C-alpha atoms as a PDB file:
ATOM      1  CA  MET A   1     -15.542  -8.687  25.648  1.00  0.00           C
ATOM      2  CA  SER A   2     -18.722  -7.697  23.899  1.00  0.00           C
ATOM      3  CA  SER A   3     -20.247  -9.454  20.945  1.00  0.00           C
ATOM      4  CA  SER A   4     -23.299  -7.206  20.851  1.00  0.00           C
ATOM      5  CA  THR A   5     -25.536  -7.307  17.796  1.00  0.00           C
ATOM      6  CA  ARG A   6     -27.834  -4.579  19.132  1.00  0.00           C
ATOM      7  CA  SER A   7     -29.672  -2.623  16.474  1.00  0.00           C
ATOM      8  CA  ALA A   8     -28.425   0.852  15.665  1.00  0.00           C
ATOM      9  CA  GLN A   9     -32.029   2.126  15.388  1.00  0.00           C
ATOM     10  CA  GLU A  10     -31.720   3.953  18.704  1.00  0.00           C
ATOM     11  CA  PRO A  11     -28.137   5.154  19.204  1.00  0.00           C
ATOM     12  CA  ALA A  12     -26.998   4.972  22.815  1.00  0.00           C
ATOM     13  CA  ASP A  13     -25.095   7.690  24.664  1.00  0.00           C
ATOM     14  CA  GLN A  14     -23.263   5.241  26.899  1.00  0.00           C
ATOM     15  CA  VAL A  15     -21.157   2.202  26.112  1.00  0.00           C
ATOM     16  CA  GLN A  16     -21.728  -0.732  28.443  1.00  0.00           C
ATOM     17  CA  ASP A  17     -19.021  -3.151  27.325  1.00  0.00           C
ATOM     18  CA  LEU A  18     -15.408  -3.437  26.296  1.00  0.00           C
ATOM     19  CA  TYR A  19     -14.704  -4.650  22.775  1.00  0.00           C
ATOM     20  CA  GLY A  20     -12.025  -6.856  21.295  1.00  0.00           C
ATOM     21  CA  ALA A  21     -10.461  -4.150  19.107  1.00  0.00           C
ATOM     22  CA  TYR A  22     -10.751  -0.396  18.666  1.00  0.00           C
ATOM     23  CA  VAL A  23     -10.305   1.361  15.336  1.00  0.00           C
ATOM     24  CA  PHE A  24     -10.195   5.148  15.306  1.00  0.00           C
ATOM     25  CA  ASP A  25     -10.453   7.804  12.662  1.00  0.00           C
ATOM     26  CA  LEU A  26      -7.866  10.541  13.259  1.00  0.00           C
ATOM     27  CA  ASP A  27      -8.920  13.997  11.984  1.00  0.00           C
ATOM     28  CA  GLY A  28     -11.895  15.183  14.026  1.00  0.00           C
ATOM     29  CA  THR A  29     -11.819  12.140  16.304  1.00  0.00           C
ATOM     30  CA  ILE A  30      -8.401  11.893  17.983  1.00  0.00           C
ATOM     31  CA  TYR A  31      -7.097  15.325  17.052  1.00  0.00           C
ATOM     32  CA  LEU A  32      -8.057  18.489  15.224  1.00  0.00           C
ATOM     33  CA  GLY A  33      -5.214  20.322  13.545  1.00  0.00           C
ATOM     34  CA  ASP A  34      -2.198  20.049  15.838  1.00  0.00           C
ATOM     35  CA  GLY A  35      -4.071  19.455  19.085  1.00  0.00           C
ATOM     36  CA  LEU A  36      -5.550  16.364  20.702  1.00  0.00           C
ATOM     37  CA  LEU A  37      -9.291  16.431  21.258  1.00  0.00           C
ATOM     38  CA  PRO A  38     -10.604  16.167  24.848  1.00  0.00           C
ATOM     39  CA  GLY A  39     -10.165  12.709  26.347  1.00  0.00           C
ATOM     40  CA  ALA A  40      -8.242  11.233  23.412  1.00  0.00           C
ATOM     41  CA  GLU A  41      -4.885  10.771  25.127  1.00  0.00           C
ATOM     42  CA  ARG A  42      -6.179   9.157  28.291  1.00  0.00           C
ATOM     43  CA  LEU A  43      -8.565   6.928  26.321  1.00  0.00           C
ATOM     44  CA  ILE A  44      -5.814   5.465  24.130  1.00  0.00           C
ATOM     45  CA  HIS A  45      -3.549   4.923  27.131  1.00  0.00           C
ATOM     46  CA  ALA A  46      -6.378   3.261  29.076  1.00  0.00           C
ATOM     47  CA  LEU A  47      -7.135   0.866  26.214  1.00  0.00           C
ATOM     48  CA  ARG A  48      -3.487  -0.020  25.807  1.00  0.00           C
ATOM     49  CA  ASP A  49      -3.118  -0.535  29.564  1.00  0.00           C
ATOM     50  CA  ARG A  50      -5.778  -3.239  29.204  1.00  0.00           C
ATOM     51  CA  ASP A  51      -3.937  -4.803  26.241  1.00  0.00           C
ATOM     52  CA  LEU A  52      -6.806  -3.986  23.908  1.00  0.00           C
ATOM     53  CA  PRO A  53      -5.703  -3.541  20.277  1.00  0.00           C
ATOM     54  CA  VAL A  54      -5.857   0.041  18.991  1.00  0.00           C
ATOM     55  CA  ARG A  55      -5.632   0.859  15.291  1.00  0.00           C
ATOM     56  CA  PHE A  56      -5.917   4.138  13.395  1.00  0.00           C
ATOM     57  CA  LEU A  57      -7.532   4.801  10.018  1.00  0.00           C
ATOM     58  CA  SER A  58      -7.517   7.948   7.927  1.00  0.00           C
ATOM     59  CA  ASN A  59      -8.962   8.913   4.573  1.00  0.00           C
ATOM     60  CA  ASN A  60      -6.424  11.726   4.401  1.00  0.00           C
ATOM     61  CA  PRO A  61      -3.702  10.925   1.815  1.00  0.00           C
ATOM     62  CA  THR A  62      -1.639  14.072   2.405  1.00  0.00           C
ATOM     63  CA  LYS A  63       0.483  12.110   4.884  1.00  0.00           C
ATOM     64  CA  ASP A  64       1.851   8.580   4.809  1.00  0.00           C
ATOM     65  CA  PRO A  65       1.788   6.225   7.839  1.00  0.00           C
ATOM     66  CA  GLN A  66       5.289   7.302   8.862  1.00  0.00           C
ATOM     67  CA  GLN A  67       4.181  10.943   9.002  1.00  0.00           C
ATOM     68  CA  TYR A  68       1.067   9.996  10.961  1.00  0.00           C
ATOM     69  CA  ALA A  69       3.221   8.024  13.415  1.00  0.00           C
ATOM     70  CA  GLU A  70       5.483  11.047  13.857  1.00  0.00           C
ATOM     71  CA  LYS A  71       2.477  13.304  14.515  1.00  0.00           C
ATOM     72  CA  LEU A  72       0.983  10.897  17.043  1.00  0.00           C
ATOM     73  CA  GLN A  73       4.381  10.678  18.744  1.00  0.00           C
ATOM     74  CA  ARG A  74       4.489  14.490  19.049  1.00  0.00           C
ATOM     75  CA  LEU A  75       0.999  14.441  20.535  1.00  0.00           C
ATOM     76  CA  GLY A  76       1.951  11.889  23.188  1.00  0.00           C
ATOM     77  CA  LEU A  77       0.504   8.805  21.498  1.00  0.00           C
ATOM     78  CA  PRO A  78       3.470   6.781  20.180  1.00  0.00           C
ATOM     79  CA  THR A  79       2.140   4.288  17.654  1.00  0.00           C
ATOM     80  CA  PRO A  80       3.813   1.642  15.451  1.00  0.00           C
ATOM     81  CA  ILE A  81       3.565   2.397  11.736  1.00  0.00           C
ATOM     82  CA  ASP A  82       1.862  -0.948  11.136  1.00  0.00           C
ATOM     83  CA  ASP A  83      -1.035   0.165  13.358  1.00  0.00           C
ATOM     84  CA  ILE A  84      -1.885   3.014  10.970  1.00  0.00           C
ATOM     85  CA  VAL A  85      -3.716   2.572   7.668  1.00  0.00           C
ATOM     86  CA  ASN A  86      -4.628   5.427   5.362  1.00  0.00           C
ATOM     87  CA  THR A  87      -5.596   5.877   1.738  1.00  0.00           C
ATOM     88  CA  VAL A  88      -1.974   6.096   0.602  1.00  0.00           C
ATOM     89  CA  VAL A  89      -1.713   2.464   1.751  1.00  0.00           C
ATOM     90  CA  THR A  90      -5.039   1.284   0.347  1.00  0.00           C
ATOM     91  CA  MET A  91      -4.613   2.947  -3.061  1.00  0.00           C
ATOM     92  CA  THR A  92      -1.093   1.599  -3.490  1.00  0.00           C
ATOM     93  CA  ARG A  93      -2.124  -1.911  -2.467  1.00  0.00           C
ATOM     94  CA  TRP A  94      -5.186  -1.886  -4.733  1.00  0.00           C
ATOM     95  CA  LEU A  95      -3.104  -0.866  -7.747  1.00  0.00           C
ATOM     96  CA  THR A  96      -0.378  -3.448  -7.118  1.00  0.00           C
ATOM     97  CA  GLU A  97      -2.969  -6.213  -6.644  1.00  0.00           C
ATOM     98  CA  ASN A  98      -5.381  -5.272  -9.443  1.00  0.00           C
ATOM     99  CA  HIS A  99      -3.546  -3.093 -11.992  1.00  0.00           C
ATOM    100  CA  PRO A 100       0.206  -3.644 -11.525  1.00  0.00           C
ATOM    101  CA  ASP A 101       1.029  -2.750 -15.136  1.00  0.00           C
ATOM    102  CA  ALA A 102      -1.157   0.341 -15.395  1.00  0.00           C
ATOM    103  CA  VAL A 103       0.211   3.833 -16.014  1.00  0.00           C
ATOM    104  CA  VAL A 104      -1.408   6.242 -13.580  1.00  0.00           C
ATOM    105  CA  PHE A 105      -1.779   9.988 -13.245  1.00  0.00           C
ATOM    106  CA  PRO A 106      -2.145  10.937  -9.570  1.00  0.00           C
ATOM    107  CA  ILE A 107      -3.826  14.259  -8.874  1.00  0.00           C
ATOM    108  CA  SER A 108      -2.367  14.179  -5.400  1.00  0.00           C
ATOM    109  CA  GLU A 109       0.223  15.420  -2.980  1.00  0.00           C
ATOM    110  CA  GLN A 110       3.690  13.999  -2.573  1.00  0.00           C
ATOM    111  CA  PRO A 111       3.096  11.154  -0.074  1.00  0.00           C
ATOM    112  CA  LEU A 112       0.929   9.206  -2.519  1.00  0.00           C
ATOM    113  CA  ILE A 113       3.303   9.892  -5.412  1.00  0.00           C
ATOM    114  CA  GLU A 114       6.242   8.632  -3.368  1.00  0.00           C
ATOM    115  CA  ALA A 115       4.352   5.509  -2.293  1.00  0.00           C
ATOM    116  CA  LEU A 116       3.378   4.699  -5.875  1.00  0.00           C
ATOM    117  CA  ASP A 117       6.965   5.163  -6.995  1.00  0.00           C
ATOM    118  CA  ALA A 118       8.262   2.912  -4.202  1.00  0.00           C
ATOM    119  CA  ALA A 119       5.751   0.226  -5.237  1.00  0.00           C
ATOM    120  CA  GLY A 120       6.925   0.337  -8.859  1.00  0.00           C
ATOM    121  CA  ILE A 121       3.701   1.832 -10.223  1.00  0.00           C
ATOM    122  CA  ALA A 122       4.364   3.689 -13.488  1.00  0.00           C
ATOM    123  CA  MET A 123       3.249   7.332 -13.571  1.00  0.00           C
ATOM    124  CA  SER A 124       2.904   9.811 -16.420  1.00  0.00           C
ATOM    125  CA  ASP A 125       1.421  13.211 -17.186  1.00  0.00           C
ATOM    126  CA  ASP A 126       1.152  12.349 -20.903  1.00  0.00           C
ATOM    127  CA  PRO A 127      -2.581  11.774 -21.526  1.00  0.00           C
ATOM    128  CA  SER A 128      -1.858   9.358 -24.366  1.00  0.00           C
ATOM    129  CA  GLU A 129      -0.107   7.004 -21.926  1.00  0.00           C
ATOM    130  CA  ILE A 130      -2.426   7.172 -18.904  1.00  0.00           C
ATOM    131  CA  ASP A 131      -4.607   4.183 -17.976  1.00  0.00           C
ATOM    132  CA  ILE A 132      -5.915   5.380 -14.609  1.00  0.00           C
ATOM    133  CA  VAL A 133      -6.527   8.891 -13.278  1.00  0.00           C
ATOM    134  CA  ILE A 134      -6.335   9.036  -9.472  1.00  0.00           C
ATOM    135  CA  ALA A 135      -8.310  11.819  -7.829  1.00  0.00           C
ATOM    136  CA  SER A 136      -7.055  12.672  -4.359  1.00  0.00           C
ATOM    137  CA  TYR A 137      -6.892  15.390  -1.718  1.00  0.00           C
ATOM    138  CA  ASP A 138      -4.587  17.807  -3.538  1.00  0.00           C
ATOM    139  CA  ARG A 139      -3.994  21.326  -2.248  1.00  0.00           C
ATOM    140  CA  GLY A 140      -1.874  21.951  -5.353  1.00  0.00           C
ATOM    141  CA  PHE A 141      -4.751  21.226  -7.748  1.00  0.00           C
ATOM    142  CA  GLU A 142      -4.620  23.386 -10.860  1.00  0.00           C
ATOM    143  CA  TYR A 143      -6.126  23.646 -14.326  1.00  0.00           C
ATOM    144  CA  ARG A 144      -3.127  21.867 -15.905  1.00  0.00           C
ATOM    145  CA  LYS A 145      -3.888  18.723 -13.923  1.00  0.00           C
ATOM    146  CA  LEU A 146      -7.571  18.880 -14.844  1.00  0.00           C
ATOM    147  CA  GLN A 147      -6.657  19.206 -18.526  1.00  0.00           C
ATOM    148  CA  ILE A 148      -4.432  16.121 -18.373  1.00  0.00           C
ATOM    149  CA  ALA A 149      -7.198  14.116 -16.726  1.00  0.00           C
ATOM    150  CA  PHE A 150      -9.714  15.404 -19.262  1.00  0.00           C
ATOM    151  CA  ASP A 151      -7.530  14.460 -22.216  1.00  0.00           C
ATOM    152  CA  ALA A 152      -6.713  10.998 -20.846  1.00  0.00           C
ATOM    153  CA  ILE A 153     -10.370  10.159 -20.172  1.00  0.00           C
ATOM    154  CA  TRP A 154     -12.383  12.159 -22.722  1.00  0.00           C
ATOM    155  CA  PHE A 155     -10.088  12.753 -25.685  1.00  0.00           C
ATOM    156  CA  TYR A 156      -7.991   9.577 -25.759  1.00  0.00           C
ATOM    157  CA  LYS A 157     -10.785   7.492 -24.201  1.00  0.00           C
ATOM    158  CA  ARG A 158      -8.275   5.167 -22.551  1.00  0.00           C
ATOM    159  CA  ALA A 159      -8.257   6.087 -18.857  1.00  0.00           C
ATOM    160  CA  PHE A 160     -10.760   5.556 -16.057  1.00  0.00           C
ATOM    161  CA  LEU A 161     -11.167   7.448 -12.797  1.00  0.00           C
ATOM    162  CA  VAL A 162     -10.574   6.227  -9.245  1.00  0.00           C
ATOM    163  CA  ALA A 163     -10.320   8.133  -5.966  1.00  0.00           C
ATOM    164  CA  THR A 164      -8.467   7.801  -2.695  1.00  0.00           C
ATOM    165  CA  ASN A 165     -11.478   8.873  -0.607  1.00  0.00           C
ATOM    166  CA  PRO A 166     -15.006  10.315  -0.854  1.00  0.00           C
ATOM    167  CA  ASP A 167     -14.654  13.157   1.678  1.00  0.00           C
ATOM    168  CA  ARG A 168     -16.047  16.551   0.648  1.00  0.00           C
ATOM    169  CA  PHE A 169     -13.842  18.520   3.020  1.00  0.00           C
ATOM    170  CA  CYS A 170     -11.236  18.039   5.728  1.00  0.00           C
ATOM    171  CA  PRO A 171     -12.120  19.579   9.116  1.00  0.00           C
ATOM    172  CA  LEU A 172      -9.842  22.273  10.500  1.00  0.00           C
ATOM    173  CA  PRO A 173      -9.734  24.046  13.872  1.00  0.00           C
ATOM    174  CA  GLY A 174     -12.187  26.889  14.415  1.00  0.00           C
ATOM    175  CA  SER A 175     -15.064  25.051  12.696  1.00  0.00           C
ATOM    176  CA  ARG A 176     -13.348  25.570   9.346  1.00  0.00           C
ATOM    177  CA  GLY A 177     -12.398  23.111   6.628  1.00  0.00           C
ATOM    178  CA  GLU A 178     -10.754  22.804   3.233  1.00  0.00           C
ATOM    179  CA  PRO A 179     -11.926  21.023   0.052  1.00  0.00           C
ATOM    180  CA  ASP A 180     -10.999  17.345  -0.012  1.00  0.00           C
ATOM    181  CA  CYS A 181     -10.878  14.605  -2.629  1.00  0.00           C
ATOM    182  CA  ALA A 182     -14.564  14.727  -3.573  1.00  0.00           C
ATOM    183  CA  ALA A 183     -14.029  18.220  -4.994  1.00  0.00           C
ATOM    184  CA  ILE A 184     -11.325  16.906  -7.334  1.00  0.00           C
ATOM    185  CA  THR A 185     -13.438  13.896  -8.296  1.00  0.00           C
ATOM    186  CA  ALA A 186     -16.402  16.158  -9.066  1.00  0.00           C
ATOM    187  CA  ALA A 187     -14.297  18.415 -11.292  1.00  0.00           C
ATOM    188  CA  VAL A 188     -13.031  15.475 -13.362  1.00  0.00           C
ATOM    189  CA  GLU A 189     -16.479  13.871 -13.591  1.00  0.00           C
ATOM    190  CA  ALA A 190     -18.104  17.180 -14.580  1.00  0.00           C
ATOM    191  CA  CYS A 191     -15.867  17.905 -17.536  1.00  0.00           C
ATOM    192  CA  THR A 192     -15.420  14.352 -18.817  1.00  0.00           C
ATOM    193  CA  GLY A 193     -18.880  12.899 -18.164  1.00  0.00           C
ATOM    194  CA  THR A 194     -17.211   9.856 -16.656  1.00  0.00           C
ATOM    195  CA  THR A 195     -18.209   8.082 -13.435  1.00  0.00           C
ATOM    196  CA  LEU A 196     -15.878   7.146 -10.621  1.00  0.00           C
ATOM    197  CA  GLN A 197     -14.948   3.448 -10.852  1.00  0.00           C
ATOM    198  CA  ALA A 198     -13.499   2.846  -7.384  1.00  0.00           C
ATOM    199  CA  ASN A 199     -13.102   4.575  -4.036  1.00  0.00           C
ATOM    200  CA  LEU A 200     -10.295   3.145  -1.915  1.00  0.00           C
ATOM    201  CA  GLY A 201     -11.078   4.912   1.344  1.00  0.00           C
ATOM    202  CA  LYS A 202     -13.753   4.616   3.982  1.00  0.00           C
ATOM    203  CA  PRO A 203     -16.513   3.383   3.762  1.00  0.00           C
ATOM    204  CA  ASP A 204     -14.943   0.540   1.759  1.00  0.00           C
ATOM    205  CA  PRO A 205     -14.897  -2.354   4.272  1.00  0.00           C
ATOM    206  CA  ALA A 206     -11.519  -3.493   2.932  1.00  0.00           C
ATOM    207  CA  MET A 207      -9.975  -0.582   4.825  1.00  0.00           C
ATOM    208  CA  LEU A 208     -11.144  -1.872   8.200  1.00  0.00           C
ATOM    209  CA  HIS A 209     -10.244  -5.450   7.323  1.00  0.00           C
ATOM    210  CA  LEU A 210      -6.724  -4.306   6.512  1.00  0.00           C
ATOM    211  CA  ALA A 211      -6.472  -2.405   9.797  1.00  0.00           C
ATOM    212  CA  VAL A 212      -7.359  -5.427  11.945  1.00  0.00           C
ATOM    213  CA  GLN A 213      -5.512  -7.970   9.833  1.00  0.00           C
ATOM    214  CA  GLY A 214      -3.735 -10.454  12.099  1.00  0.00           C
ATOM    215  CA  LEU A 215      -6.010  -9.829  15.085  1.00  0.00           C
ATOM    216  CA  ASP A 216      -8.205 -12.709  16.197  1.00  0.00           C
ATOM    217  CA  VAL A 217     -11.255 -10.461  16.512  1.00  0.00           C
ATOM    218  CA  ALA A 218     -14.626 -10.939  14.841  1.00  0.00           C
ATOM    219  CA  PRO A 219     -16.070  -7.838  13.118  1.00  0.00           C
ATOM    220  CA  GLU A 220     -18.947  -7.609  15.599  1.00  0.00           C
ATOM    221  CA  ASP A 221     -16.416  -7.383  18.453  1.00  0.00           C
ATOM    222  CA  CYS A 222     -14.619  -4.459  16.799  1.00  0.00           C
ATOM    223  CA  VAL A 223     -15.737  -0.856  17.229  1.00  0.00           C
ATOM    224  CA  MET A 224     -15.109   1.787  14.575  1.00  0.00           C
ATOM    225  CA  VAL A 225     -14.980   5.298  16.029  1.00  0.00           C
ATOM    226  CA  GLY A 226     -15.187   8.449  13.935  1.00  0.00           C
ATOM    227  CA  ASP A 227     -16.810  11.832  13.394  1.00  0.00           C
ATOM    228  CA  ARG A 228     -18.471  11.180  10.028  1.00  0.00           C
ATOM    229  CA  LEU A 229     -21.653   9.287   9.267  1.00  0.00           C
ATOM    230  CA  ALA A 230     -20.945   8.833   5.566  1.00  0.00           C
ATOM    231  CA  THR A 231     -17.466   7.357   6.003  1.00  0.00           C
ATOM    232  CA  ASP A 232     -16.747   6.125   9.540  1.00  0.00           C
ATOM    233  CA  VAL A 233     -20.197   4.916  10.544  1.00  0.00           C
ATOM    234  CA  GLN A 234     -20.976   3.540   7.107  1.00  0.00           C
ATOM    235  CA  LEU A 235     -17.649   1.685   7.110  1.00  0.00           C
ATOM    236  CA  ALA A 236     -18.650  -0.041  10.353  1.00  0.00           C
ATOM    237  CA  HIS A 237     -21.992  -1.070   8.881  1.00  0.00           C
ATOM    238  CA  ASN A 238     -20.371  -2.302   5.670  1.00  0.00           C
ATOM    239  CA  ALA A 239     -17.835  -4.371   7.630  1.00  0.00           C
ATOM    240  CA  GLY A 240     -20.283  -5.722  10.198  1.00  0.00           C
ATOM    241  CA  ALA A 241     -18.598  -3.840  13.056  1.00  0.00           C
ATOM    242  CA  VAL A 242     -19.960  -1.690  15.884  1.00  0.00           C
ATOM    243  CA  SER A 243     -20.080   2.044  15.135  1.00  0.00           C
ATOM    244  CA  ALA A 244     -19.517   5.019  17.419  1.00  0.00           C
ATOM    245  CA  LEU A 245     -20.032   8.587  16.217  1.00  0.00           C
ATOM    246  CA  VAL A 246     -18.094  11.197  18.183  1.00  0.00           C
ATOM    247  CA  LEU A 247     -19.480  14.748  17.996  1.00  0.00           C
ATOM    248  CA  THR A 248     -16.126  16.519  17.719  1.00  0.00           C
ATOM    249  CA  GLY A 249     -15.848  16.748  13.940  1.00  0.00           C
ATOM    250  CA  GLU A 250     -18.227  16.987  11.006  1.00  0.00           C
ATOM    251  CA  ASN A 251     -21.572  15.560  12.076  1.00  0.00           C
ATOM    252  CA  THR A 252     -23.962  16.694  14.805  1.00  0.00           C
ATOM    253  CA  ARG A 253     -26.996  15.122  16.476  1.00  0.00           C
ATOM    254  CA  ASP A 254     -29.232  17.012  14.064  1.00  0.00           C
ATOM    255  CA  ASP A 255     -27.709  15.021  11.198  1.00  0.00           C
ATOM    256  CA  LEU A 256     -29.187  11.818  12.659  1.00  0.00           C
ATOM    257  CA  GLU A 257     -32.755  12.932  11.974  1.00  0.00           C
ATOM    258  CA  GLY A 258     -34.480  10.837   9.327  1.00  0.00           C
ATOM    259  CA  LEU A 259     -31.664   8.307   8.922  1.00  0.00           C
ATOM    260  CA  GLY A 260     -32.456   4.630   8.486  1.00  0.00           C
ATOM    261  CA  PRO A 261     -31.137   1.821  10.705  1.00  0.00           C
ATOM    262  CA  HIS A 262     -28.268   1.081   8.326  1.00  0.00           C
ATOM    263  CA  GLN A 263     -27.088   4.687   8.492  1.00  0.00           C
ATOM    264  CA  LEU A 264     -27.296   5.314  12.230  1.00  0.00           C
ATOM    265  CA  PRO A 265     -24.406   4.635  14.625  1.00  0.00           C
ATOM    266  CA  HIS A 266     -24.727   2.267  17.558  1.00  0.00           C
ATOM    267  CA  PHE A 267     -23.348   4.967  19.861  1.00  0.00           C
ATOM    268  CA  VAL A 268     -23.280   8.771  19.803  1.00  0.00           C
ATOM    269  CA  LEU A 269     -20.603  10.252  22.086  1.00  0.00           C
ATOM    270  CA  GLU A 270     -19.979  13.851  23.095  1.00  0.00           C
ATOM    271  CA  ARG A 271     -16.252  13.104  23.534  1.00  0.00           C
ATOM    272  CA  VAL A 272     -14.151  10.166  22.504  1.00  0.00           C
ATOM    273  CA  ASP A 273     -13.262   8.914  25.993  1.00  0.00           C
ATOM    274  CA  ARG A 274     -16.968   8.200  26.568  1.00  0.00           C
ATOM    275  CA  LEU A 275     -16.190   5.077  24.556  1.00  0.00           C
ATOM    276  CA  LEU A 276     -15.199   3.490  27.868  1.00  0.00           C
ATOM    277  CA  PRO A 277     -18.011   2.233  30.108  1.00  0.00           C
ATOM    278  CA  ASP A 278     -19.037   4.270  33.138  1.00  0.00           C
ATOM    279  CA  TRP A 279     -17.618   1.682  35.533  1.00  0.00           C
ATOM    280  CA  ILE A 280     -14.134   2.254  34.105  1.00  0.00           C
ATOM    281  CA  TRP A 281     -14.577   6.028  34.465  1.00  0.00           C
ATOM    282  CA  LYS A 282     -15.380   5.470  38.141  1.00  0.00           C
ATOM    283  CA  GLU A 283     -12.478   3.051  38.557  1.00  0.00           C
ATOM    284  CA  LEU A 284     -10.050   5.607  37.060  1.00  0.00           C
ATOM    285  CA  GLY A 285     -11.600   8.605  38.809  1.00  0.00           C
ATOM    286  CA  TRP A 286     -12.369  10.395  35.552  1.00  0.00           C
ATOM    287  CA  ASP A 287     -14.845  13.194  34.992  1.00  0.00           C
ATOM    288  CA  ASP A 288     -15.688  15.440  32.036  1.00  0.00           C
ATOM    289  CA  SER A 289     -13.624  18.303  33.379  1.00  0.00           C
ATOM    290  CA  ASP A 290     -10.418  16.336  32.797  1.00  0.00           C
ATOM    291  CA  PRO A 291      -8.539  16.920  29.525  1.00  0.00           C
END
């Protein structure tokens, strides 16, 4: 196993070693929409065949881990629920550990609301009762919700703002996307003048620590793989892990220009199965024409 501490100043195109654990982003890394990205299926199977731990992380709170497990099952990658961590999990855990008695107003979709309810977190849409406004990826966002957040924070001056994740948009097939949590956060900040107090998604290192909890793997022997510099790569840096940027989602090689050593990935990969060293490709008879 590798314990490389190589600088990320010059990202490499090839991985030379195997690592002790592999943590993957989902949207834009393993799949896009309802289809697996090239090389994803055979990569995950190859890692598991070598008994290397595989975990999945997502900043997307529009599904809970059960729904992610069901999607991965449909795509041919059956995965235990406990091997999946997303911002529904991290937000719920943060509230129960830090603000168990708070009344919250989630600007979110149903999976987060259901998780908060199951955890016993009180919710209200009465601004005079709200202690915490949660901005999230909400495709049902409307002016009514913004008004409630505004009144709770600006008029009653009792609530503060937190967010599930910092993503500006969620990638969709066909090089498209849709506004994500950062758009909701910006709307609330703009009208209230408040500042976000906590972000519970990547790049918060607690998310990676939670994903590898129970594994006897040092951070520097864990590789975080994703398509976004600001979340996936920065998470790896923040957690002391190895970072691999895959060019199948948001960022391109052009985005690397002018970045400092603490912003660059260790590896830049055209497709996710290039995470395996060349000698394993030869051993398995792989080439880039394979799906």
